[in-house]
Amino acid sequence: TVYLQMNNLKPEDTAVYYCHTVMGTLKPLCVHPGSLGYWGQG
């Protein structure tokens, strides 16, 4: 399980948050993966 602790939240943080994963290493980190990997439902 991966967690995201979010403190001092701001109105601009408002969004649908999606979890994403791929097997192994995909870098650079956090660049939109396109069609690779798996997404959560948000």
Full PDB file with SEQRES, HELIX, SHEET, SSBOND, CRYST1, ORIGX, SCALE, CONECT and MASTER records, all heavy atoms in Angstrom:
SEQRES   1 A   42  THR VAL TYR LEU GLN MET ASN ASN LEU LYS PRO GLU ASP          
SEQRES   2 A   42  THR ALA VAL TYR TYR CYS HIS THR VAL MET GLY THR LEU          
SEQRES   3 A   42  LYS PRO LEU CYS VAL HIS PRO GLY SER LEU GLY TYR TRP          
SEQRES   4 A   42  GLY GLN GLY                                                  
HELIX    1 AA1 PRO A   11  ASP A   13  5                                   3    
SHEET    1 AA1 2 HIS A  20  THR A  21  0                                        
SHEET    2 AA1 2 TYR A  38  TRP A  39 -1                                        
CRYST1    1.000    1.000    1.000  90.00  90.00  90.00 P 1           1          
ORIGX1      1.000000  0.000000  0.000000        0.00000                         
ORIGX2      0.000000  1.000000  0.000000        0.00000                         
ORIGX3      0.000000  0.000000  1.000000        0.00000                         
SCALE1      1.000000  0.000000  0.000000        0.00000                         
SCALE2      0.000000  1.000000  0.000000        0.00000                         
SCALE3      0.000000  0.000000  1.000000        0.00000                         
ATOM      1  N   THR A   1       0.842  -1.198   0.000  1.00  0.00           N  
ATOM      2  CA  THR A   1       0.000   0.000   0.000  1.00  0.00           C  
ATOM      3  C   THR A   1       0.875   1.246   0.000  1.00  0.00           C  
ATOM      4  O   THR A   1       1.868   1.312   0.732  1.00  0.00           O  
ATOM      5  CB  THR A   1      -0.924   0.013   1.226  1.00  0.00           C  
ATOM      6  OG1 THR A   1      -1.791  -1.134   1.168  1.00  0.00           O  
ATOM      7  CG2 THR A   1      -1.773   1.271   1.263  1.00  0.00           C  
ATOM      8  N   VAL A   2       0.478   2.216  -0.809  1.00  0.00           N  
ATOM      9  CA  VAL A   2       1.155   3.508  -0.832  1.00  0.00           C  
ATOM     10  C   VAL A   2       0.229   4.549  -0.203  1.00  0.00           C  
ATOM     11  O   VAL A   2      -0.992   4.488  -0.378  1.00  0.00           O  
ATOM     12  CB  VAL A   2       1.559   3.916  -2.268  1.00  0.00           C  
ATOM     13  CG1 VAL A   2       0.351   4.127  -3.160  1.00  0.00           C  
ATOM     14  CG2 VAL A   2       2.460   5.135  -2.260  1.00  0.00           C  
ATOM     15  N   TYR A   3       0.841   5.468   0.533  1.00  0.00           N  
ATOM     16  CA  TYR A   3       0.097   6.507   1.233  1.00  0.00           C  
ATOM     17  C   TYR A   3       0.575   7.884   0.775  1.00  0.00           C  
ATOM     18  O   TYR A   3       1.739   8.054   0.391  1.00  0.00           O  
ATOM     19  CB  TYR A   3       0.310   6.398   2.748  1.00  0.00           C  
ATOM     20  CG  TYR A   3      -0.092   5.063   3.329  1.00  0.00           C  
ATOM     21  CD1 TYR A   3       0.850   4.043   3.468  1.00  0.00           C  
ATOM     22  CD2 TYR A   3      -1.404   4.818   3.721  1.00  0.00           C  
ATOM     23  CE1 TYR A   3       0.493   2.808   3.999  1.00  0.00           C  
ATOM     24  CE2 TYR A   3      -1.763   3.591   4.253  1.00  0.00           C  
ATOM     25  CZ  TYR A   3      -0.818   2.585   4.390  1.00  0.00           C  
ATOM     26  OH  TYR A   3      -1.175   1.371   4.910  1.00  0.00           O  
ATOM     27  N   LEU A   4      -0.332   8.846   0.858  1.00  0.00           N  
ATOM     28  CA  LEU A   4       0.029  10.241   0.622  1.00  0.00           C  
ATOM     29  C   LEU A   4      -0.557  11.054   1.765  1.00  0.00           C  
ATOM     30  O   LEU A   4      -1.768  11.259   1.842  1.00  0.00           O  
ATOM     31  CB  LEU A   4      -0.498  10.745  -0.723  1.00  0.00           C  
ATOM     32  CG  LEU A   4      -0.028  12.151  -1.104  1.00  0.00           C  
ATOM     33  CD1 LEU A   4       1.488  12.143  -1.373  1.00  0.00           C  
ATOM     34  CD2 LEU A   4      -0.771  12.666  -2.328  1.00  0.00           C  
ATOM     35  N   GLN A   5       0.320  11.487   2.660  1.00  0.00           N  
ATOM     36  CA  GLN A   5      -0.076  12.356   3.761  1.00  0.00           C  
ATOM     37  C   GLN A   5      -0.043  13.789   3.249  1.00  0.00           C  
ATOM     38  O   GLN A   5       1.020  14.261   2.806  1.00  0.00           O  
ATOM     39  CB  GLN A   5       0.871  12.189   4.953  1.00  0.00           C  
ATOM     40  CG  GLN A   5       0.632  13.179   6.091  1.00  0.00           C  
ATOM     41  CD  GLN A   5      -0.680  12.940   6.800  1.00  0.00           C  
ATOM     42  OE1 GLN A   5      -1.045  11.806   7.088  1.00  0.00           O  
ATOM     43  NE2 GLN A   5      -1.412  14.020   7.084  1.00  0.00           N  
ATOM     44  N   MET A   6      -1.181  14.466   3.324  1.00  0.00           N  
ATOM     45  CA  MET A   6      -1.289  15.823   2.793  1.00  0.00           C  
ATOM     46  C   MET A   6      -1.622  16.774   3.930  1.00  0.00           C  
ATOM     47  O   MET A   6      -2.680  16.653   4.557  1.00  0.00           O  
ATOM     48  CB  MET A   6      -2.372  15.884   1.712  1.00  0.00           C  
ATOM     49  CG  MET A   6      -2.167  14.876   0.597  1.00  0.00           C  
ATOM     50  SD  MET A   6      -3.360  15.057  -0.757  1.00  0.00           S  
ATOM     51  CE  MET A   6      -4.868  14.606   0.071  1.00  0.00           C  
ATOM     52  N   ASN A   7      -0.706  17.696   4.193  1.00  0.00           N  
ATOM     53  CA  ASN A   7      -0.892  18.685   5.262  1.00  0.00           C  
ATOM     54  C   ASN A   7      -0.987  20.084   4.669  1.00  0.00           C  
ATOM     55  O   ASN A   7      -0.562  20.327   3.528  1.00  0.00           O  
ATOM     56  CB  ASN A   7       0.279  18.621   6.243  1.00  0.00           C  
ATOM     57  CG  ASN A   7       0.377  17.297   6.959  1.00  0.00           C  
ATOM     58  OD1 ASN A   7      -0.628  16.645   7.256  1.00  0.00           O  
ATOM     59  ND2 ASN A   7       1.600  16.867   7.241  1.00  0.00           N  
ATOM     60  N   ASN A   8      -1.513  21.010   5.462  1.00  0.00           N  
ATOM     61  CA  ASN A   8      -1.632  22.407   5.047  1.00  0.00           C  
ATOM     62  C   ASN A   8      -2.241  22.512   3.646  1.00  0.00           C  
ATOM     63  O   ASN A   8      -1.703  23.189   2.766  1.00  0.00           O  
ATOM     64  CB  ASN A   8      -0.265  23.084   5.091  1.00  0.00           C  
ATOM     65  CG  ASN A   8      -0.347  24.586   4.916  1.00  0.00           C  
ATOM     66  OD1 ASN A   8      -1.397  25.192   5.153  1.00  0.00           O  
ATOM     67  ND2 ASN A   8       0.755  25.186   4.495  1.00  0.00           N  
ATOM     68  N   LEU A   9      -3.356  21.850   3.476  1.00  0.00           N  
ATOM     69  CA  LEU A   9      -3.987  21.820   2.151  1.00  0.00           C  
ATOM     70  C   LEU A   9      -4.479  23.194   1.737  1.00  0.00           C  
ATOM     71  O   LEU A   9      -4.901  24.017   2.568  1.00  0.00           O  
ATOM     72  CB  LEU A   9      -5.140  20.812   2.156  1.00  0.00           C  
ATOM     73  CG  LEU A   9      -4.676  19.354   2.057  1.00  0.00           C  
ATOM     74  CD1 LEU A   9      -5.744  18.401   2.550  1.00  0.00           C  
ATOM     75  CD2 LEU A   9      -4.296  19.028   0.617  1.00  0.00           C  
ATOM     76  N   LYS A  10      -4.410  23.450   0.440  1.00  0.00           N  
ATOM     77  CA  LYS A  10      -4.793  24.725  -0.146  1.00  0.00           C  
ATOM     78  C   LYS A  10      -5.909  24.507  -1.168  1.00  0.00           C  
ATOM     79  O   LYS A  10      -6.027  23.401  -1.731  1.00  0.00           O  
ATOM     80  CB  LYS A  10      -3.589  25.358  -0.840  1.00  0.00           C  
ATOM     81  CG  LYS A  10      -2.389  25.557   0.068  1.00  0.00           C  
ATOM     82  CD  LYS A  10      -1.198  26.104  -0.705  1.00  0.00           C  
ATOM     83  CE  LYS A  10       0.015  26.302   0.206  1.00  0.00           C  
ATOM     84  NZ  LYS A  10       1.176  26.843  -0.538  1.00  0.00           N  
ATOM     85  N   PRO A  11      -6.701  25.519  -1.446  1.00  0.00           N  
ATOM     86  CA  PRO A  11      -7.773  25.357  -2.447  1.00  0.00           C  
ATOM     87  C   PRO A  11      -7.248  24.854  -3.794  1.00  0.00           C  
ATOM     88  O   PRO A  11      -7.949  24.091  -4.476  1.00  0.00           O  
ATOM     89  CB  PRO A  11      -8.356  26.767  -2.551  1.00  0.00           C  
ATOM     90  CG  PRO A  11      -8.116  27.367  -1.199  1.00  0.00           C  
ATOM     91  CD  PRO A  11      -6.772  26.822  -0.762  1.00  0.00           C  
ATOM     92  N   GLU A  12      -6.043  25.240  -4.158  1.00  0.00           N  
ATOM     93  CA  GLU A  12      -5.484  24.796  -5.435  1.00  0.00           C  
ATOM     94  C   GLU A  12      -5.093  23.321  -5.449  1.00  0.00           C  
ATOM     95  O   GLU A  12      -4.726  22.780  -6.506  1.00  0.00           O  
ATOM     96  CB  GLU A  12      -4.279  25.658  -5.842  1.00  0.00           C  
ATOM     97  CG  GLU A  12      -3.212  25.780  -4.784  1.00  0.00           C  
ATOM     98  CD  GLU A  12      -3.357  27.070  -3.966  1.00  0.00           C  
ATOM     99  OE1 GLU A  12      -4.493  27.431  -3.609  1.00  0.00           O  
ATOM    100  OE2 GLU A  12      -2.305  27.695  -3.677  1.00  0.00           O  
ATOM    101  N   ASP A  13      -5.184  22.652  -4.300  1.00  0.00           N  
ATOM    102  CA  ASP A  13      -4.961  21.209  -4.248  1.00  0.00           C  
ATOM    103  C   ASP A  13      -6.223  20.436  -4.636  1.00  0.00           C  
ATOM    104  O   ASP A  13      -6.181  19.208  -4.764  1.00  0.00           O  
ATOM    105  CB  ASP A  13      -4.521  20.768  -2.852  1.00  0.00           C  
ATOM    106  CG  ASP A  13      -3.164  21.325  -2.453  1.00  0.00           C  
ATOM    107  OD1 ASP A  13      -2.252  21.320  -3.301  1.00  0.00           O  
ATOM    108  OD2 ASP A  13      -3.023  21.762  -1.293  1.00  0.00           O  
ATOM    109  N   THR A  14      -7.332  21.136  -4.799  1.00  0.00           N  
ATOM    110  CA  THR A  14      -8.582  20.492  -5.177  1.00  0.00           C  
ATOM    111  C   THR A  14      -8.447  19.792  -6.524  1.00  0.00           C  
ATOM    112  O   THR A  14      -8.044  20.405  -7.513  1.00  0.00           O  
ATOM    113  CB  THR A  14      -9.724  21.523  -5.243  1.00  0.00           C  
ATOM    114  OG1 THR A  14      -9.948  22.049  -3.935  1.00  0.00           O  
ATOM    115  CG2 THR A  14     -11.003  20.898  -5.768  1.00  0.00           C  
ATOM    116  N   ALA A  15      -8.746  18.505  -6.545  1.00  0.00           N  
ATOM    117  CA  ALA A  15      -8.607  17.686  -7.753  1.00  0.00           C  
ATOM    118  C   ALA A  15      -9.083  16.277  -7.447  1.00  0.00           C  
ATOM    119  O   ALA A  15      -9.324  15.924  -6.282  1.00  0.00           O  
ATOM    120  CB  ALA A  15      -7.147  17.646  -8.208  1.00  0.00           C  
ATOM    121  N   VAL A  16      -9.187  15.471  -8.499  1.00  0.00           N  
ATOM    122  CA  VAL A  16      -9.330  14.027  -8.322  1.00  0.00           C  
ATOM    123  C   VAL A  16      -7.912  13.453  -8.306  1.00  0.00           C  
ATOM    124  O   VAL A  16      -7.125  13.710  -9.227  1.00  0.00           O  
ATOM    125  CB  VAL A  16     -10.167  13.389  -9.432  1.00  0.00           C  
ATOM    126  CG1 VAL A  16     -10.259  11.870  -9.220  1.00  0.00           C  
ATOM    127  CG2 VAL A  16     -11.556  14.013  -9.486  1.00  0.00           C  
ATOM    128  N   TYR A  17      -7.603  12.705  -7.275  1.00  0.00           N  
ATOM    129  CA  TYR A  17      -6.277  12.129  -7.110  1.00  0.00           C  
ATOM    130  C   TYR A  17      -6.307  10.660  -7.548  1.00  0.00           C  
ATOM    131  O   TYR A  17      -7.156   9.881  -7.109  1.00  0.00           O  
ATOM    132  CB  TYR A  17      -5.827  12.249  -5.658  1.00  0.00           C  
ATOM    133  CG  TYR A  17      -5.382  13.648  -5.301  1.00  0.00           C  
ATOM    134  CD1 TYR A  17      -6.295  14.688  -5.238  1.00  0.00           C  
ATOM    135  CD2 TYR A  17      -4.042  13.939  -5.062  1.00  0.00           C  
ATOM    136  CE1 TYR A  17      -5.885  15.985  -4.948  1.00  0.00           C  
ATOM    137  CE2 TYR A  17      -3.620  15.222  -4.754  1.00  0.00           C  
ATOM    138  CZ  TYR A  17      -4.551  16.241  -4.706  1.00  0.00           C  
ATOM    139  OH  TYR A  17      -4.141  17.529  -4.421  1.00  0.00           O  
ATOM    140  N   TYR A  18      -5.357  10.314  -8.412  1.00  0.00           N  
ATOM    141  CA  TYR A  18      -5.281   8.966  -8.968  1.00  0.00           C  
ATOM    142  C   TYR A  18      -3.970   8.309  -8.557  1.00  0.00           C  
ATOM    143  O   TYR A  18      -2.895   8.913  -8.681  1.00  0.00           O  
ATOM    144  CB  TYR A  18      -5.348   9.003 -10.494  1.00  0.00           C  
ATOM    145  CG  TYR A  18      -6.668   9.453 -11.050  1.00  0.00           C  
ATOM    146  CD1 TYR A  18      -6.905  10.802 -11.304  1.00  0.00           C  
ATOM    147  CD2 TYR A  18      -7.676   8.537 -11.330  1.00  0.00           C  
ATOM    148  CE1 TYR A  18      -8.120  11.223 -11.823  1.00  0.00           C  
ATOM    149  CE2 TYR A  18      -8.889   8.947 -11.854  1.00  0.00           C  
ATOM    150  CZ  TYR A  18      -9.100  10.293 -12.094  1.00  0.00           C  
ATOM    151  OH  TYR A  18     -10.309  10.697 -12.607  1.00  0.00           O  
ATOM    152  N   CYS A  19      -4.072   7.077  -8.133  1.00  0.00           N  
ATOM    153  CA  CYS A  19      -2.904   6.258  -7.877  1.00  0.00           C  
ATOM    154  C   CYS A  19      -2.490   5.584  -9.189  1.00  0.00           C  
ATOM    155  O   CYS A  19      -3.354   5.200  -9.995  1.00  0.00           O  
ATOM    156  CB  CYS A  19      -3.264   5.205  -6.833  1.00  0.00           C  
ATOM    157  SG  CYS A  19      -1.935   4.100  -6.360  1.00  0.00           S  
ATOM    158  N   HIS A  20      -1.188   5.457  -9.398  1.00  0.00           N  
ATOM    159  CA  HIS A  20      -0.686   4.812 -10.609  1.00  0.00           C  
ATOM    160  C   HIS A  20       0.521   3.955 -10.245  1.00  0.00           C  
ATOM    161  O   HIS A  20       1.333   4.333  -9.392  1.00  0.00           O  
ATOM    162  CB  HIS A  20      -0.281   5.848 -11.661  1.00  0.00           C  
ATOM    163  CG  HIS A  20       0.311   5.232 -12.888  1.00  0.00           C  
ATOM    164  ND1 HIS A  20       1.670   5.014 -13.012  1.00  0.00           N  
ATOM    165  CD2 HIS A  20      -0.262   4.764 -14.021  1.00  0.00           C  
ATOM    166  CE1 HIS A  20       1.904   4.428 -14.179  1.00  0.00           C  
ATOM    167  NE2 HIS A  20       0.745   4.281 -14.810  1.00  0.00           N  
ATOM    168  N   THR A  21       0.667   2.822 -10.928  1.00  0.00           N  
ATOM    169  CA  THR A  21       1.831   1.993 -10.713  1.00  0.00           C  
ATOM    170  C   THR A  21       2.245   1.249 -11.973  1.00  0.00           C  
ATOM    171  O   THR A  21       1.418   0.974 -12.848  1.00  0.00           O  
ATOM    172  CB  THR A  21       1.599   0.971  -9.584  1.00  0.00           C  
ATOM    173  OG1 THR A  21       2.854   0.379  -9.217  1.00  0.00           O  
ATOM    174  CG2 THR A  21       0.636  -0.126 -10.008  1.00  0.00           C  
ATOM    175  N   VAL A  22       3.545   1.002 -12.058  1.00  0.00           N  
ATOM    176  CA  VAL A  22       4.093   0.086 -13.059  1.00  0.00           C  
ATOM    177  C   VAL A  22       5.044  -0.859 -12.340  1.00  0.00           C  
ATOM    178  O   VAL A  22       5.604  -0.511 -11.299  1.00  0.00           O  
ATOM    179  CB  VAL A  22       4.848   0.804 -14.189  1.00  0.00           C  
ATOM    180  CG1 VAL A  22       3.919   1.675 -14.994  1.00  0.00           C  
ATOM    181  CG2 VAL A  22       6.012   1.617 -13.640  1.00  0.00           C  
ATOM    182  N   MET A  23       5.245  -2.025 -12.919  1.00  0.00           N  
ATOM    183  CA  MET A  23       6.218  -2.956 -12.372  1.00  0.00           C  
ATOM    184  C   MET A  23       7.619  -2.453 -12.674  1.00  0.00           C  
ATOM    185  O   MET A  23       7.878  -1.937 -13.771  1.00  0.00           O  
ATOM    186  CB  MET A  23       6.015  -4.334 -12.996  1.00  0.00           C  
ATOM    187  CG  MET A  23       6.969  -5.399 -12.495  1.00  0.00           C  
ATOM    188  SD  MET A  23       6.681  -7.000 -13.280  1.00  0.00           S  
ATOM    189  CE  MET A  23       7.141  -6.646 -14.960  1.00  0.00           C  
ATOM    190  N   GLY A  24       8.506  -2.559 -11.695  1.00  0.00           N  
ATOM    191  CA  GLY A  24       9.877  -2.155 -11.908  1.00  0.00           C  
ATOM    192  C   GLY A  24      10.078  -0.656 -11.784  1.00  0.00           C  
ATOM    193  O   GLY A  24       9.364   0.032 -11.061  1.00  0.00           O  
ATOM    194  N   THR A  25      11.054  -0.158 -12.540  1.00  0.00           N  
ATOM    195  CA  THR A  25      11.449   1.245 -12.436  1.00  0.00           C  
ATOM    196  C   THR A  25      11.074   2.008 -13.696  1.00  0.00           C  
ATOM    197  O   THR A  25      11.427   1.579 -14.797  1.00  0.00           O  
ATOM    198  CB  THR A  25      12.961   1.358 -12.183  1.00  0.00           C  
ATOM    199  OG1 THR A  25      13.303   0.633 -10.996  1.00  0.00           O  
ATOM    200  CG2 THR A  25      13.360   2.812 -12.009  1.00  0.00           C  
ATOM    201  N   LEU A  26      10.377   3.107 -13.527  1.00  0.00           N  
ATOM    202  CA  LEU A  26      10.022   3.992 -14.632  1.00  0.00           C  
ATOM    203  C   LEU A  26      10.475   5.394 -14.252  1.00  0.00           C  
ATOM    204  O   LEU A  26       9.927   6.013 -13.357  1.00  0.00           O  
ATOM    205  CB  LEU A  26       8.514   3.965 -14.880  1.00  0.00           C  
ATOM    206  CG  LEU A  26       8.002   4.882 -16.004  1.00  0.00           C  
ATOM    207  CD1 LEU A  26       8.575   4.440 -17.352  1.00  0.00           C  
ATOM    208  CD2 LEU A  26       6.477   4.870 -16.049  1.00  0.00           C  
ATOM    209  N   LYS A  27      11.448   5.873 -14.968  1.00  0.00           N  
ATOM    210  CA  LYS A  27      11.973   7.212 -14.675  1.00  0.00           C  
ATOM    211  C   LYS A  27      12.064   8.008 -15.968  1.00  0.00           C  
ATOM    212  O   LYS A  27      12.199   7.439 -17.050  1.00  0.00           O  
ATOM    213  CB  LYS A  27      13.346   7.094 -13.999  1.00  0.00           C  
ATOM    214  CG  LYS A  27      13.254   6.513 -12.583  1.00  0.00           C  
ATOM    215  CD  LYS A  27      14.554   6.670 -11.836  1.00  0.00           C  
ATOM    216  CE  LYS A  27      14.405   6.143 -10.416  1.00  0.00           C  
ATOM    217  NZ  LYS A  27      15.642   6.283  -9.630  1.00  0.00           N  
ATOM    218  N   PRO A  28      11.986   9.350 -15.826  1.00  0.00           N  
ATOM    219  CA  PRO A  28      11.942  10.114 -14.585  1.00  0.00           C  
ATOM    220  C   PRO A  28      10.612   9.918 -13.852  1.00  0.00           C  
ATOM    221  O   PRO A  28       9.573   9.657 -14.475  1.00  0.00           O  
ATOM    222  CB  PRO A  28      12.109  11.559 -15.052  1.00  0.00           C  
ATOM    223  CG  PRO A  28      11.661  11.558 -16.467  1.00  0.00           C  
ATOM    224  CD  PRO A  28      12.008  10.202 -17.017  1.00  0.00           C  
ATOM    225  N   LEU A  29      10.650  10.015 -12.537  1.00  0.00           N  
ATOM    226  CA  LEU A  29       9.473   9.793 -11.739  1.00  0.00           C  
ATOM    227  C   LEU A  29       8.407  10.843 -11.998  1.00  0.00           C  
ATOM    228  O   LEU A  29       8.706  12.026 -12.189  1.00  0.00           O  
ATOM    229  CB  LEU A  29       9.842   9.819 -10.244  1.00  0.00           C  
ATOM    230  CG  LEU A  29      10.726   8.679  -9.734  1.00  0.00           C  
ATOM    231  CD1 LEU A  29      11.059   8.897  -8.270  1.00  0.00           C  
ATOM    232  CD2 LEU A  29      10.065   7.332  -9.941  1.00  0.00           C  
ATOM    233  N   CYS A  30       7.140  10.357 -11.952  1.00  0.00           N  
ATOM    234  CA  CYS A  30       5.997  11.256 -11.968  1.00  0.00           C  
ATOM    235  C   CYS A  30       5.784  11.996 -13.276  1.00  0.00           C  
ATOM    236  O   CYS A  30       5.033  12.969 -13.301  1.00  0.00           O  
ATOM    237  CB  CYS A  30       6.051  12.252 -10.806  1.00  0.00           C  
ATOM    238  SG  CYS A  30       5.031  11.739  -9.382  1.00  0.00           S  
ATOM    239  N   VAL A  31       6.411  11.569 -14.316  1.00  0.00           N  
ATOM    240  CA  VAL A  31       6.046  12.068 -15.643  1.00  0.00           C  
ATOM    241  C   VAL A  31       4.844  11.243 -16.113  1.00  0.00           C  
ATOM    242  O   VAL A  31       4.797  10.035 -15.893  1.00  0.00           O  
ATOM    243  CB  VAL A  31       7.225  11.921 -16.616  1.00  0.00           C  
ATOM    244  CG1 VAL A  31       6.796  12.269 -18.041  1.00  0.00           C  
ATOM    245  CG2 VAL A  31       8.378  12.794 -16.184  1.00  0.00           C  
ATOM    246  N   HIS A  32       3.877  11.893 -16.740  1.00  0.00           N  
ATOM    247  CA  HIS A  32       2.672  11.169 -17.158  1.00  0.00           C  
ATOM    248  C   HIS A  32       3.081   9.910 -17.931  1.00  0.00           C  
ATOM    249  O   HIS A  32       3.809   9.985 -18.922  1.00  0.00           O  
ATOM    250  CB  HIS A  32       1.790  12.064 -18.027  1.00  0.00           C  
ATOM    251  CG  HIS A  32       0.401  11.543 -18.189  1.00  0.00           C  
ATOM    252  ND1 HIS A  32       0.114  10.372 -18.884  1.00  0.00           N  
ATOM    253  CD2 HIS A  32      -0.797  12.004 -17.748  1.00  0.00           C  
ATOM    254  CE1 HIS A  32      -1.175  10.161 -18.853  1.00  0.00           C  
ATOM    255  NE2 HIS A  32      -1.767  11.133 -18.174  1.00  0.00           N  
ATOM    256  N   PRO A  33       2.586   8.748 -17.518  1.00  0.00           N  
ATOM    257  CA  PRO A  33       3.055   7.486 -18.096  1.00  0.00           C  
ATOM    258  C   PRO A  33       2.368   7.079 -19.391  1.00  0.00           C  
ATOM    259  O   PRO A  33       2.653   6.007 -19.936  1.00  0.00           O  
ATOM    260  CB  PRO A  33       2.733   6.483 -17.006  1.00  0.00           C  
ATOM    261  CG  PRO A  33       1.491   7.032 -16.390  1.00  0.00           C  
ATOM    262  CD  PRO A  33       1.651   8.528 -16.414  1.00  0.00           C  
ATOM    263  N   GLY A  34       1.450   7.897 -19.868  1.00  0.00           N  
ATOM    264  CA  GLY A  34       0.727   7.531 -21.073  1.00  0.00           C  
ATOM    265  C   GLY A  34      -0.109   6.289 -20.845  1.00  0.00           C  
ATOM    266  O   GLY A  34      -0.881   6.233 -19.889  1.00  0.00           O  
ATOM    267  N   SER A  35       0.071   5.290 -21.665  1.00  0.00           N  
ATOM    268  CA  SER A  35      -0.724   4.069 -21.569  1.00  0.00           C  
ATOM    269  C   SER A  35      -0.054   2.999 -20.708  1.00  0.00           C  
ATOM    270  O   SER A  35      -0.598   1.907 -20.546  1.00  0.00           O  
ATOM    271  CB  SER A  35      -0.976   3.505 -22.956  1.00  0.00           C  
ATOM    272  OG  SER A  35       0.252   3.199 -23.584  1.00  0.00           O  
ATOM    273  N   LEU A  36       1.094   3.305 -20.141  1.00  0.00           N  
ATOM    274  CA  LEU A  36       1.809   2.316 -19.343  1.00  0.00           C  
ATOM    275  C   LEU A  36       1.196   2.175 -17.960  1.00  0.00           C  
ATOM    276  O   LEU A  36       0.731   3.153 -17.365  1.00  0.00           O  
ATOM    277  CB  LEU A  36       3.282   2.710 -19.200  1.00  0.00           C  
ATOM    278  CG  LEU A  36       4.133   2.714 -20.455  1.00  0.00           C  
ATOM    279  CD1 LEU A  36       5.537   3.212 -20.135  1.00  0.00           C  
ATOM    280  CD2 LEU A  36       4.191   1.331 -21.080  1.00  0.00           C  
ATOM    281  N   GLY A  37       1.220   0.968 -17.433  1.00  0.00           N  
ATOM    282  CA  GLY A  37       0.870   0.746 -16.043  1.00  0.00           C  
ATOM    283  C   GLY A  37      -0.619   0.719 -15.763  1.00  0.00           C  
ATOM    284  O   GLY A  37      -1.452   0.563 -16.657  1.00  0.00           O  
ATOM    285  N   TYR A  38      -0.924   0.874 -14.474  1.00  0.00           N  
ATOM    286  CA  TYR A  38      -2.288   0.741 -13.993  1.00  0.00           C  
ATOM    287  C   TYR A  38      -2.698   1.988 -13.199  1.00  0.00           C  
ATOM    288  O   TYR A  38      -1.881   2.541 -12.457  1.00  0.00           O  
ATOM    289  CB  TYR A  38      -2.386  -0.479 -13.063  1.00  0.00           C  
ATOM    290  CG  TYR A  38      -1.985  -1.776 -13.723  1.00  0.00           C  
ATOM    291  CD1 TYR A  38      -0.651  -2.169 -13.765  1.00  0.00           C  
ATOM    292  CD2 TYR A  38      -2.933  -2.607 -14.314  1.00  0.00           C  
ATOM    293  CE1 TYR A  38      -0.273  -3.358 -14.361  1.00  0.00           C  
ATOM    294  CE2 TYR A  38      -2.559  -3.797 -14.917  1.00  0.00           C  
ATOM    295  CZ  TYR A  38      -1.231  -4.157 -14.942  1.00  0.00           C  
ATOM    296  OH  TYR A  38      -0.859  -5.327 -15.552  1.00  0.00           O  
ATOM    297  N   TRP A  39      -3.981   2.351 -13.357  1.00  0.00           N  
ATOM    298  CA  TRP A  39      -4.542   3.489 -12.646  1.00  0.00           C  
ATOM    299  C   TRP A  39      -5.609   3.012 -11.660  1.00  0.00           C  
ATOM    300  O   TRP A  39      -6.343   2.064 -11.940  1.00  0.00           O  
ATOM    301  CB  TRP A  39      -5.193   4.474 -13.616  1.00  0.00           C  
ATOM    302  CG  TRP A  39      -4.252   5.188 -14.522  1.00  0.00           C  
ATOM    303  CD1 TRP A  39      -3.911   4.841 -15.794  1.00  0.00           C  
ATOM    304  CD2 TRP A  39      -3.532   6.400 -14.237  1.00  0.00           C  
ATOM    305  NE1 TRP A  39      -3.035   5.751 -16.320  1.00  0.00           N  
ATOM    306  CE2 TRP A  39      -2.786   6.718 -15.390  1.00  0.00           C  
ATOM    307  CE3 TRP A  39      -3.461   7.247 -13.135  1.00  0.00           C  
ATOM    308  CZ2 TRP A  39      -1.964   7.860 -15.459  1.00  0.00           C  
ATOM    309  CZ3 TRP A  39      -2.646   8.367 -13.204  1.00  0.00           C  
ATOM    310  CH2 TRP A  39      -1.908   8.665 -14.360  1.00  0.00           C  
ATOM    311  N   GLY A  40      -5.721   3.716 -10.547  1.00  0.00           N  
ATOM    312  CA  GLY A  40      -6.843   3.532  -9.659  1.00  0.00           C  
ATOM    313  C   GLY A  40      -8.055   4.277 -10.184  1.00  0.00           C  
ATOM    314  O   GLY A  40      -7.996   4.948 -11.217  1.00  0.00           O  
ATOM    315  N   GLN A  41      -9.152   4.174  -9.435  1.00  0.00           N  
ATOM    316  CA  GLN A  41     -10.412   4.767  -9.891  1.00  0.00           C  
ATOM    317  C   GLN A  41     -10.497   6.253  -9.587  1.00  0.00           C  
ATOM    318  O   GLN A  41     -11.372   6.937 -10.122  1.00  0.00           O  
ATOM    319  CB  GLN A  41     -11.605   4.036  -9.241  1.00  0.00           C  
ATOM    320  CG  GLN A  41     -11.926   4.461  -7.817  1.00  0.00           C  
ATOM    321  CD  GLN A  41     -11.016   3.822  -6.780  1.00  0.00           C  
ATOM    322  OE1 GLN A  41     -10.053   3.118  -7.098  1.00  0.00           O  
ATOM    323  NE2 GLN A  41     -11.315   4.063  -5.517  1.00  0.00           N  
ATOM    324  N   GLY A  42      -9.611   6.751  -8.748  1.00  0.00           N  
ATOM    325  CA  GLY A  42      -9.615   8.168  -8.395  1.00  0.00           C  
ATOM    326  C   GLY A  42     -10.389   8.443  -7.121  1.00  0.00           C  
ATOM    327  O   GLY A  42     -11.382   7.773  -6.821  1.00  0.00           O  
TER     328      GLY A  42                                                      
MASTER        0    0    0    1    2    0    0    6  327    1    0    4          
END                                                                             
